Amino acid sequence: MKIAITAQGTDLNSELDSRFGRAKQFIIVDSETKEFEIINNEQNLNAAQGAGIQSGQNIINSGAEALITGHCGPKAFKVLNAGDVKIYYAKNGTVNELVGKLKNNELQLADSADVEGHWV
């Protein structure tokens, strides 16, 4: 399974970035092989609006089936749901730890956005 994680760094030891739309980057990990790719999210870091929607579309385009992030706003949540991406919230951890938690069913599937739009 391809899993997208909002990350502060660029490797599997990177810490979770709690933001979704304005995360520094996304690490897309194959949960079986641990191969990964980086999606730079720089274009959305300072976007006046639409960061969550554009970031959501980037995750869908990556082929990820799941997303692990700290928080997700309502517009991004709607885009991700429309793209059949399952959303999981986490408070902290490295990319590698979070992939393990998802594989071990230790993360709860989100049923709604947990912050208002334009959360920074």
Protein backbone atom coordinates (compact mmCIF):
# COMPACT_ATOMS: atom_id res chain seq x y z
CA MET A 1 0.00 0.00 0.00
CA LYS A 2 1.21 3.50 -0.78
CA ILE A 3 0.98 5.76 2.28
CA ALA A 4 1.45 9.54 2.26
CA ILE A 5 2.84 11.13 5.43
CA THR A 6 3.19 14.86 6.08
CA ALA A 7 6.85 15.25 7.00
CA GLN A 8 9.30 17.85 8.23
CA GLY A 9 12.27 16.16 6.55
CA THR A 10 13.09 14.07 3.52
CA ASP A 11 13.72 10.54 4.81
CA LEU A 12 12.02 7.78 6.80
CA ASN A 13 13.39 9.18 10.08
CA SER A 14 11.69 12.54 9.50
CA GLU A 15 9.20 13.71 12.09
CA LEU A 16 5.53 14.17 11.29
CA ASP A 17 4.52 17.65 10.15
CA SER A 18 1.24 18.31 11.96
CA ARG A 19 -0.13 20.46 9.10
CA PHE A 20 -1.58 18.97 5.94
CA GLY A 21 -2.04 21.69 3.33
CA ARG A 22 1.02 23.61 4.42
CA ALA A 23 3.26 20.66 5.29
CA LYS A 24 6.87 21.07 4.16
CA GLN A 25 6.64 17.92 2.10
CA PHE A 26 4.93 14.59 1.74
CA ILE A 27 6.76 11.30 1.86
CA ILE A 28 4.99 8.59 -0.11
CA VAL A 29 6.02 5.18 1.26
CA ASP A 30 5.35 1.71 -0.10
CA SER A 31 4.43 -0.08 3.13
CA GLU A 32 5.77 -3.42 1.87
CA THR A 33 9.12 -2.44 0.32
CA LYS A 34 9.76 0.80 2.29
CA GLU A 35 10.70 2.48 -1.00
CA PHE A 36 9.68 6.14 -0.88
CA GLU A 37 9.46 9.33 -2.86
CA ILE A 38 9.31 12.95 -1.77
CA ILE A 39 6.66 15.39 -2.95
CA ASN A 40 7.81 18.92 -2.23
CA ASN A 41 4.94 21.10 -1.06
CA GLU A 42 6.77 24.43 -1.20
CA GLN A 43 4.20 25.98 -3.55
CA ASN A 44 1.56 25.67 -0.83
CA LEU A 45 3.58 26.83 2.19
CA ASN A 46 2.63 30.46 1.70
CA ALA A 47 -0.48 30.13 -0.44
CA ALA A 48 -3.16 32.66 0.47
CA GLN A 49 -5.85 30.02 -0.01
CA GLY A 50 -6.40 26.62 -1.56
CA ALA A 51 -3.35 24.95 0.02
CA GLY A 52 -5.36 22.02 1.37
CA ILE A 53 -7.22 21.44 -1.88
CA GLN A 54 -4.04 21.52 -3.98
CA SER A 55 -2.18 19.34 -1.49
CA GLY A 56 -5.06 16.87 -1.51
CA GLN A 57 -4.93 16.68 -5.30
CA ASN A 58 -1.17 16.06 -5.15
CA ILE A 59 -1.71 13.15 -2.75
CA ILE A 60 -4.38 11.65 -5.03
CA ASN A 61 -2.11 12.07 -8.06
CA SER A 62 0.70 10.24 -6.21
CA GLY A 63 -1.44 7.10 -6.04
CA ALA A 64 -1.44 7.03 -2.23
CA GLU A 65 -4.25 5.02 -0.70
CA ALA A 66 -3.83 6.47 2.80
CA LEU A 67 -2.63 9.68 4.43
CA ILE A 68 -1.15 10.14 7.90
CA THR A 69 -1.11 13.73 9.14
CA GLY A 70 -1.58 15.75 12.30
CA HIS A 71 -4.59 17.76 11.14
CA CYS A 72 -6.78 18.16 8.06
CA GLY A 73 -9.26 20.91 7.22
CA PRO A 74 -12.73 20.42 5.71
CA LYS A 75 -11.95 21.25 2.06
CA ALA A 76 -8.86 19.02 1.96
CA PHE A 77 -10.79 16.25 3.74
CA LYS A 78 -13.51 16.42 1.09
CA VAL A 79 -10.99 16.29 -1.79
CA LEU A 80 -9.14 13.34 -0.24
CA ASN A 81 -12.38 11.44 0.41
CA ALA A 82 -13.47 12.01 -3.19
CA GLY A 83 -10.12 10.51 -4.27
CA ASP A 84 -10.64 7.44 -2.04
CA VAL A 85 -7.69 8.32 0.21
CA LYS A 86 -8.17 7.12 3.80
CA ILE A 87 -7.09 9.70 6.40
CA TYR A 88 -5.44 8.91 9.73
CA TYR A 89 -4.44 11.43 12.40
CA ALA A 90 -1.33 11.13 14.53
CA LYS A 91 0.15 13.42 17.17
CA ASN A 92 3.82 12.66 16.51
CA GLY A 93 6.33 10.08 15.36
CA THR A 94 8.72 9.46 12.51
CA VAL A 95 7.56 8.44 9.07
CA ASN A 96 8.89 4.92 9.66
CA GLU A 97 7.14 4.62 13.04
CA LEU A 98 3.85 5.86 11.63
CA VAL A 99 3.91 3.42 8.72
CA GLY A 100 4.42 0.64 11.29
CA LYS A 101 1.52 1.90 13.40
CA LEU A 102 -0.78 1.95 10.39
CA LYS A 103 0.25 -1.58 9.39
CA ASN A 104 -0.43 -2.74 12.98
CA ASN A 105 -3.86 -1.05 13.02
CA GLU A 106 -2.76 1.34 15.77
CA LEU A 107 -4.11 4.46 14.04
CA GLN A 108 -7.80 5.29 13.88
CA LEU A 109 -9.45 6.10 10.56
CA ALA A 110 -10.68 9.72 10.56
CA ASP A 111 -14.34 10.34 9.85
CA SER A 112 -14.14 14.13 9.52
CA ALA A 113 -11.88 17.17 9.39
CA ASP A 114 -10.47 18.12 12.78
CA VAL A 115 -9.66 21.81 12.20
CA GLU A 116 -11.29 24.77 10.48
CA GLY A 117 -10.00 25.93 7.11
CA HIS A 118 -6.86 28.13 6.93
CA TRP A 119 -5.39 26.54 10.05
CA VAL A 120 -1.67 27.32 10.33
